[in-house]
């Protein structure tokens, strides 16, 4: 049975005992905020905390996709199996939760949703919260390949080919000022600009009052950017986190051949051999 990729606070409150809730809050370094510390202070009842930096491949790039074995071990310790319906949220509503939604889908979990509005929306409804660390009972998570052409991961070489040939559409979720090199990247050593022949749809354009916009409004946004569901799409951002917000929105309105560039600008902007557009 398929589930919606987005659920409301009201739905989650009514179904809290039937799902596994995951707090995936993560913040950009300049904010000085710590998702794990905030989770301990307050979180949705029965939620476990998913740290995208801990569950990552060790290397020079931030929080890149772990191996299937590492992911299975990590979420198994959180008490989650591939058969569970997982509902992911974050502190901001639409920021890091879709990245974890995408990771679960990439590794074969079919029933995953994102809480529309996140923890902010839960608090606004005056609903109960808990504090402290969780003590989940460990279980087994069995990974599998992504289904169909969705939830794939691509490398810099794939993106370079797409940029040169136009065989895939490339879309960047970063704010327009960073995309157009009007604002410097906050990670040291990165050039400013964007991948040639990529489009820019900042994630802020997809939401209104903290909630994801309607399907019709989302379709209009992608239409105006020249994006079509009949052609493969590669999504990128600063470090592979908010790129997943675009993927969730596109999947929700019917796009079906979707990939995430895991290295994103953290990799592309650091490699002098790769071309950029600095305007």
Protein backbone atom coordinates (compact mmCIF):
# COMPACT_ATOMS: atom_id res chain seq x y z
CA UNK A 1 0.00 0.00 0.00
CA UNK A 2 1.49 3.34 -1.02
CA UNK A 3 1.50 6.28 1.38
CA UNK A 4 1.54 10.01 0.82
CA UNK A 5 4.96 11.63 0.66
CA UNK A 6 3.57 14.50 2.78
CA UNK A 7 1.35 14.22 5.86
CA UNK A 8 -0.26 16.89 8.02
CA UNK A 9 0.16 17.49 11.74
CA UNK A 10 -3.46 16.41 12.23
CA UNK A 11 -2.84 13.13 10.42
CA UNK A 12 0.32 12.39 12.40
CA UNK A 13 -1.38 13.17 15.71
CA UNK A 14 -4.15 10.69 14.88
CA UNK A 15 -1.74 8.00 13.68
CA UNK A 16 1.15 8.49 16.08
CA UNK A 17 0.97 4.93 17.43
CA UNK A 18 1.05 3.40 13.93
CA UNK A 19 4.19 5.03 12.54
CA UNK A 20 7.86 5.49 13.37
CA UNK A 21 8.64 9.18 13.85
CA UNK A 22 12.08 10.52 13.01
CA UNK A 23 13.47 13.93 13.95
CA UNK A 24 15.95 14.78 11.18
CA UNK A 25 16.70 18.36 12.23
CA UNK A 26 19.98 19.70 10.86
CA UNK A 27 21.17 23.28 10.55
CA UNK A 28 23.68 25.09 8.36
CA UNK A 29 26.94 25.84 10.22
CA UNK A 30 26.46 29.64 10.26
CA UNK A 31 23.28 29.29 12.35
CA UNK A 32 25.16 27.92 15.34
CA UNK A 33 22.24 25.58 16.05
CA UNK A 34 22.55 21.88 16.93
CA UNK A 35 19.76 19.53 15.91
CA UNK A 36 20.71 16.82 18.37
CA UNK A 37 20.75 19.18 21.34
CA UNK A 38 17.41 20.68 20.33
CA UNK A 39 15.93 17.17 20.02
CA UNK A 40 16.90 16.35 23.60
CA UNK A 41 15.16 19.50 24.81
CA UNK A 42 11.92 18.83 22.97
CA UNK A 43 10.61 16.50 20.26
CA UNK A 44 7.43 14.84 19.02
CA UNK A 45 6.47 11.91 21.31
CA UNK A 46 8.22 8.62 20.48
CA UNK A 47 10.48 10.28 17.90
CA UNK A 48 14.07 9.13 17.47
CA UNK A 49 16.84 11.40 16.26
CA UNK A 50 18.52 10.82 12.89
CA UNK A 51 21.87 12.58 12.53
CA UNK A 52 22.76 13.00 8.85
CA UNK A 53 26.37 13.72 9.79
CA UNK A 54 26.74 10.53 11.84
CA UNK A 55 24.96 8.40 9.25
CA UNK A 56 27.30 9.37 6.43
CA UNK A 57 30.28 8.19 4.43
CA UNK A 58 33.56 9.25 6.00
CA UNK A 59 35.40 11.55 3.63
CA UNK A 60 36.10 15.11 2.63
CA UNK A 61 32.51 15.92 1.62
CA UNK A 62 29.82 16.60 4.24
CA UNK A 63 27.20 13.95 5.12
CA UNK A 64 27.39 11.99 1.87
CA UNK A 65 25.37 8.83 1.39
CA UNK A 66 26.53 5.89 3.55
CA UNK A 67 26.85 2.33 2.33
CA UNK A 68 23.71 0.16 2.46
CA UNK A 69 25.27 -1.79 5.31
CA UNK A 70 26.05 1.33 7.34
CA UNK A 71 22.56 2.76 6.79
CA UNK A 72 20.91 -0.53 7.79
CA UNK A 73 22.98 -0.73 10.96
CA UNK A 74 22.26 2.89 11.89
CA UNK A 75 18.48 2.85 11.43
CA UNK A 76 18.20 -0.66 12.85
CA UNK A 77 19.59 0.73 16.12
CA UNK A 78 16.87 3.37 15.95
CA UNK A 79 14.30 0.56 15.95
CA UNK A 80 13.20 1.04 12.36
CA UNK A 81 12.68 -1.69 9.76
CA UNK A 82 12.08 -1.36 6.04
CA UNK A 83 8.45 -2.43 6.59
CA UNK A 84 7.61 0.49 8.89
CA UNK A 85 5.79 3.64 7.84
CA UNK A 86 8.35 6.32 8.68
CA UNK A 87 7.36 9.97 9.19
CA UNK A 88 10.26 12.40 9.11
CA UNK A 89 10.25 15.98 10.34
CA UNK A 90 12.73 18.75 11.04
CA UNK A 91 12.81 21.91 13.15
CA UNK A 92 12.26 24.26 10.22
CA UNK A 93 9.52 22.44 8.35
CA UNK A 94 11.11 22.06 4.91
CA UNK A 95 14.87 21.76 5.11
CA UNK A 96 16.63 18.55 6.16
CA UNK A 97 13.70 16.13 6.60
CA UNK A 98 13.35 15.48 2.83
CA UNK A 99 17.01 14.41 2.72
CA UNK A 100 16.28 11.64 5.22
CA UNK A 101 13.01 10.84 3.39
CA UNK A 102 15.11 10.41 0.23
CA UNK A 103 17.70 8.24 2.03
CA UNK A 104 15.03 5.86 3.32
CA UNK A 105 13.49 5.63 -0.15
CA UNK A 106 16.91 5.17 -1.76
CA UNK A 107 17.60 2.20 0.48
CA UNK A 108 14.27 0.51 -0.21
CA UNK A 109 11.79 1.69 2.43
CA UNK A 110 8.54 2.17 0.51
CA UNK A 111 6.45 3.95 3.17
CA UNK A 112 8.06 7.26 4.07
CA UNK A 113 6.43 10.65 4.58
CA UNK A 114 7.53 14.15 5.56
CA UNK A 115 5.57 16.13 8.15
CA UNK A 116 4.26 19.28 6.48
CA UNK A 117 5.42 22.26 8.52
CA UNK A 118 7.70 20.18 10.71
CA UNK A 119 8.14 20.68 14.45
CA UNK A 120 7.05 24.30 14.19
CA UNK A 121 3.63 23.21 12.93
CA UNK A 122 3.35 20.62 15.71
CA UNK A 123 4.06 23.29 18.34
CA UNK A 124 1.64 25.74 16.72
CA UNK A 125 -1.14 23.20 17.22
CA UNK A 126 -0.35 23.08 20.95
CA UNK A 127 0.43 19.36 20.84
CA UNK A 128 2.39 17.47 23.47
CA UNK A 129 6.18 17.10 23.25
CA UNK A 130 8.75 15.00 25.04
CA UNK A 131 12.32 15.65 26.15
CA UNK A 132 15.38 13.49 26.74
CA UNK A 133 17.08 10.75 24.77
CA UNK A 134 15.14 7.91 23.15
CA UNK A 135 15.75 4.25 24.01
CA UNK A 136 14.43 2.36 20.99
CA UNK A 137 14.52 -1.43 20.75
CA UNK A 138 16.94 -2.36 17.98
CA UNK A 139 15.60 -4.21 14.96
CA UNK A 140 16.74 -5.27 11.48
CA UNK A 141 16.49 -3.01 8.44
CA UNK A 142 16.91 -4.83 5.12
CA UNK A 143 18.06 -2.54 2.34
CA UNK A 144 17.19 -2.97 -1.32
CA UNK A 145 17.75 -1.12 -4.57
CA UNK A 146 15.65 1.98 -5.33
CA UNK A 147 12.49 1.12 -7.25
CA UNK A 148 12.28 2.26 -10.85
CA UNK A 149 14.17 5.35 -11.95
CA UNK A 150 13.53 7.41 -8.84
CA UNK A 151 15.73 7.98 -5.76
CA UNK A 152 19.02 7.41 -7.58
CA UNK A 153 22.34 9.03 -6.71
CA UNK A 154 24.73 10.46 -9.30
CA UNK A 155 28.36 11.59 -9.30
CA UNK A 156 30.15 14.63 -10.67
CA UNK A 157 30.96 12.82 -13.93
CA UNK A 158 27.25 12.16 -14.52
CA UNK A 159 26.41 15.80 -13.86
CA UNK A 160 29.17 17.00 -16.18
CA UNK A 161 27.82 14.80 -18.97
CA UNK A 162 24.29 16.06 -18.38
CA UNK A 163 25.51 19.66 -18.42
CA UNK A 164 27.31 19.16 -21.72
CA UNK A 165 24.73 17.01 -23.54
CA UNK A 166 21.43 18.19 -22.08
CA UNK A 167 20.31 14.58 -21.67
CA UNK A 168 19.17 15.37 -18.11
CA UNK A 169 17.82 18.55 -16.55
CA UNK A 170 19.88 19.96 -13.67
CA UNK A 171 18.17 21.98 -10.94
CA UNK A 172 19.82 23.74 -7.98
CA UNK A 173 18.02 24.37 -4.68
CA UNK A 174 20.39 27.04 -3.30
CA UNK A 175 19.26 30.64 -2.77
CA UNK A 176 19.46 32.76 -5.93
CA UNK A 177 22.24 34.97 -4.55
CA UNK A 178 24.54 31.96 -4.13
CA UNK A 179 23.50 30.44 -7.45
CA UNK A 180 24.34 33.66 -9.30
CA UNK A 181 27.61 34.24 -7.38
CA UNK A 182 26.25 37.41 -5.78
CA UNK A 183 26.92 35.92 -2.37
CA UNK A 184 29.98 33.86 -1.39
CA UNK A 185 29.71 30.28 -0.26
CA UNK A 186 30.15 29.92 3.49
CA UNK A 187 32.23 26.74 3.22
CA UNK A 188 35.90 27.66 2.76
CA UNK A 189 37.65 26.92 -0.52
CA UNK A 190 34.54 26.90 -2.71
CA UNK A 191 34.15 28.93 -5.87
CA UNK A 192 30.96 30.93 -6.35
CA UNK A 193 28.46 30.30 -9.11
CA UNK A 194 26.58 27.35 -10.55
CA UNK A 195 26.80 24.34 -12.85
CA UNK A 196 26.51 25.30 -16.53
CA UNK A 197 23.04 24.75 -18.00
CA UNK A 198 21.44 24.28 -14.58
CA UNK A 199 18.22 25.92 -13.40
CA UNK A 200 17.67 27.55 -10.03
CA UNK A 201 14.60 26.87 -7.89
CA UNK A 202 15.35 27.95 -4.30
CA UNK A 203 13.49 25.79 -1.82
CA UNK A 204 11.86 28.87 -0.27
CA UNK A 205 9.78 29.20 -3.46
CA UNK A 206 8.11 25.84 -2.78
CA UNK A 207 6.54 26.74 0.56
CA UNK A 208 4.07 29.25 1.92
CA UNK A 209 3.56 29.91 5.64
CA UNK A 210 5.78 26.93 6.39
CA UNK A 211 3.72 24.45 4.36
CA UNK A 212 4.43 22.92 0.97
CA UNK A 213 2.47 24.69 -1.77
CA UNK A 214 -0.36 22.98 -3.61
CA UNK A 215 0.37 20.61 -6.47
CA UNK A 216 -0.92 23.14 -8.97
CA UNK A 217 1.35 25.85 -7.57
CA UNK A 218 4.33 23.48 -7.62
CA UNK A 219 3.62 22.51 -11.22
CA UNK A 220 3.57 26.18 -12.19
CA UNK A 221 6.93 26.79 -10.50
CA UNK A 222 8.62 23.94 -12.35
CA UNK A 223 6.88 24.84 -15.61
CA UNK A 224 8.14 28.42 -15.39
CA UNK A 225 11.68 27.11 -14.81
CA UNK A 226 11.38 25.01 -17.98
CA UNK A 227 11.40 21.72 -16.09
CA UNK A 228 9.48 18.82 -17.60
CA UNK A 229 8.54 15.46 -16.17
CA UNK A 230 9.27 13.76 -19.51
CA UNK A 231 13.03 14.16 -19.10
CA UNK A 232 15.43 12.90 -16.38
CA UNK A 233 16.23 15.35 -13.58
CA UNK A 234 19.35 15.77 -11.44
CA UNK A 235 18.89 17.82 -8.27
CA UNK A 236 21.73 19.66 -6.54
CA UNK A 237 22.27 22.17 -3.73
CA UNK A 238 25.05 23.15 -1.33
CA UNK A 239 25.82 19.75 0.20
CA UNK A 240 23.08 17.35 -0.91
CA UNK A 241 20.51 18.17 1.78
CA UNK A 242 18.00 20.64 0.34
CA UNK A 243 18.30 19.08 -3.13
CA UNK A 244 15.95 16.46 -1.72
CA UNK A 245 13.25 19.09 -1.10
CA UNK A 246 13.10 19.62 -4.87
CA UNK A 247 13.00 15.88 -5.48
CA UNK A 248 10.10 15.41 -3.07
CA UNK A 249 8.15 18.25 -4.70
CA UNK A 250 8.79 16.84 -8.18
CA UNK A 251 7.92 13.30 -7.16
CA UNK A 252 4.69 14.59 -5.62
CA UNK A 253 3.56 16.20 -8.90
CA UNK A 254 4.42 13.24 -11.08
CA UNK A 255 8.09 13.48 -12.10
CA UNK A 256 9.46 9.94 -12.24
CA UNK A 257 13.13 9.92 -13.29
CA UNK A 258 14.88 11.69 -10.43
CA UNK A 259 18.47 11.65 -9.18
CA UNK A 260 20.35 13.50 -6.45
CA UNK A 261 23.88 14.81 -6.95
CA UNK A 262 25.26 13.83 -3.56
CA UNK A 263 28.45 15.89 -3.72
CA UNK A 264 26.52 18.97 -4.88
CA UNK A 265 28.27 22.35 -4.74
CA UNK A 266 30.55 21.23 -1.89
CA UNK A 267 32.23 19.00 -4.46
CA UNK A 268 31.61 20.85 -7.74
CA UNK A 269 32.71 24.21 -6.38
CA UNK A 270 35.93 22.76 -4.98
CA UNK A 271 37.17 21.09 -8.18
CA UNK A 272 38.93 23.58 -10.44
CA UNK A 273 38.66 21.21 -13.43
CA UNK A 274 34.87 21.45 -13.43
CA UNK A 275 33.27 24.40 -15.28
CA UNK A 276 31.13 26.97 -13.52
CA UNK A 277 29.03 29.98 -14.44
CA UNK A 278 29.93 32.94 -12.22
CA UNK A 279 26.92 35.19 -12.71
